[in-house]
Amino acid sequence: QVHVAESGGGLVQPGGSLTLSCVVSGSIFSIHAMGWYRQAPGKGREMVALITSGGGTNYAIFVKGRFTISRDNNKNMVELQMNSLKPEDTAVYYCYADDRVEPYWGPGTQVTVSS
């Protein structure tokens, strides 16, 4: 059983910052990629940022320069520092991890950017 737990969502004003955190625990031998996806109301789920166990990163073009992903392999933890938030960043953010075979998802955390 693999457990994925997110934290850090909330309400923030435009231009503000939030940090999302995620910890993966349970019966997983080796985590390859970790990261974040998001889903806004009425839209599909989209990749926000991913980071491999070796530190390679991939960002969606709409967050480049504003969001930073980091990872602690020893703690099976990934964080997403979100700066200069915009109303269009409002969505449920899902933590993602895989072991090259199976994807694992968290339940999601709501991020709302509004004045």
Protein backbone atom coordinates (compact mmCIF):
# COMPACT_ATOMS: atom_id res chain seq x y z
CA GLN A 1 0.00 0.00 0.00
CA VAL A 2 1.37 3.40 -1.02
CA HIS A 3 0.16 6.56 0.66
CA VAL A 4 0.51 10.02 -0.88
CA ALA A 5 -0.23 12.99 1.36
CA GLU A 6 -0.32 16.64 0.24
CA SER A 7 -0.41 19.79 2.34
CA GLY A 8 -0.13 23.53 1.91
CA GLY A 9 -3.08 24.57 -0.21
CA GLY A 10 -5.29 27.53 0.62
CA LEU A 11 -6.50 30.96 -0.37
CA VAL A 12 -4.01 33.59 -1.52
CA GLN A 13 -4.28 36.97 -3.19
CA PRO A 14 -3.02 37.54 -6.72
CA GLY A 15 0.72 38.05 -6.68
CA GLY A 16 1.08 36.05 -3.50
CA SER A 17 2.96 32.83 -2.74
CA LEU A 18 2.20 29.34 -1.48
CA THR A 19 4.25 26.21 -0.91
CA LEU A 20 2.78 22.77 -1.48
CA SER A 21 4.36 19.73 0.13
CA CYS A 22 3.87 16.03 -0.49
CA VAL A 23 5.20 12.93 1.24
CA VAL A 24 5.03 9.42 -0.20
CA SER A 25 5.12 6.48 2.18
CA GLY A 26 4.37 2.77 2.23
CA SER A 27 5.36 -0.15 0.06
CA ILE A 28 7.25 1.57 -2.70
CA PHE A 29 10.79 0.43 -3.43
CA SER A 30 12.16 3.27 -5.49
CA ILE A 31 10.44 6.45 -6.59
CA HIS A 32 11.42 7.65 -10.07
CA ALA A 33 9.46 10.82 -10.78
CA MET A 34 7.56 13.04 -8.37
CA GLY A 35 5.64 16.16 -9.05
CA TRP A 36 2.42 18.05 -9.36
CA TYR A 37 -0.57 18.13 -11.64
CA ARG A 38 -3.59 20.39 -11.39
CA GLN A 39 -7.21 20.43 -12.47
CA ALA A 40 -9.32 23.55 -12.70
CA PRO A 41 -13.14 23.42 -12.75
CA GLY A 42 -14.39 22.22 -16.12
CA LYS A 43 -10.89 21.40 -17.38
CA GLY A 44 -8.72 18.32 -17.66
CA ARG A 45 -5.81 17.45 -15.42
CA GLU A 46 -2.55 19.03 -16.58
CA MET A 47 1.08 18.64 -15.61
CA VAL A 48 2.55 21.51 -13.61
CA ALA A 49 6.05 20.33 -12.70
CA LEU A 50 7.95 17.05 -12.39
CA ILE A 51 11.32 16.11 -10.92
CA THR A 52 13.20 12.84 -11.27
CA SER A 53 15.26 11.07 -8.63
CA GLY A 54 18.34 12.46 -10.36
CA GLY A 55 17.10 16.04 -10.09
CA GLY A 56 15.97 16.59 -13.65
CA THR A 57 12.99 18.93 -13.88
CA ASN A 58 10.20 19.61 -16.32
CA TYR A 59 7.86 22.60 -16.01
CA ALA A 60 4.70 23.51 -17.82
CA ILE A 61 5.24 26.66 -19.85
CA PHE A 62 2.58 28.54 -17.92
CA VAL A 63 4.51 28.25 -14.63
CA LYS A 64 8.09 28.71 -15.81
CA GLY A 65 9.82 31.45 -13.85
CA ARG A 66 7.11 31.48 -11.17
CA PHE A 67 7.09 27.96 -9.68
CA THR A 68 10.04 25.93 -8.38
CA ILE A 69 9.95 22.21 -7.66
CA SER A 70 12.33 20.52 -5.23
CA ARG A 71 12.73 17.07 -3.80
CA ASP A 72 14.24 15.28 -0.80
CA ASN A 73 14.91 11.69 -1.85
CA ASN A 74 15.73 10.61 1.71
CA LYS A 75 12.29 11.72 2.90
CA ASN A 76 10.34 10.80 -0.25
CA MET A 77 9.14 14.39 -0.24
CA VAL A 78 8.49 16.88 -3.01
CA GLU A 79 7.67 20.57 -2.68
CA LEU A 80 6.32 23.17 -5.06
CA GLN A 81 7.12 26.80 -4.31
CA MET A 82 4.56 28.95 -6.13
CA ASN A 83 5.24 32.67 -6.55
CA SER A 84 3.46 35.44 -8.43
CA LEU A 85 0.22 33.48 -8.31
CA LYS A 86 -2.54 34.39 -10.73
CA PRO A 87 -6.30 33.77 -10.59
CA GLU A 88 -5.87 31.26 -13.42
CA ASP A 89 -3.68 29.15 -11.12
CA THR A 90 -6.81 28.33 -9.12
CA ALA A 91 -7.23 24.55 -9.19
CA VAL A 92 -6.99 21.36 -7.22
CA TYR A 93 -3.32 20.39 -7.13
CA TYR A 94 -2.46 16.68 -7.08
CA CYS A 95 0.81 15.18 -5.99
CA TYR A 96 2.16 12.49 -8.31
CA ALA A 97 4.80 9.81 -7.91
CA ASP A 98 5.79 6.75 -9.91
CA ASP A 99 8.16 3.80 -9.59
CA ARG A 100 8.50 3.45 -13.38
CA VAL A 101 5.65 0.91 -13.29
CA GLU A 102 2.72 2.41 -11.39
CA PRO A 103 1.51 5.98 -10.91
CA TYR A 104 0.44 7.07 -7.44
CA TRP A 105 -1.75 10.07 -6.74
CA GLY A 106 -2.64 12.12 -3.71
CA PRO A 107 -6.24 13.16 -2.98
CA GLY A 108 -5.55 16.76 -4.02
CA THR A 109 -5.30 20.10 -2.27
CA GLN A 110 -7.25 23.21 -3.26
CA VAL A 111 -5.38 26.36 -4.27
CA THR A 112 -7.53 29.45 -4.74
CA VAL A 113 -6.07 32.72 -6.00
CA SER A 114 -8.52 35.54 -5.46
CA SER A 115 -8.75 39.04 -4.06
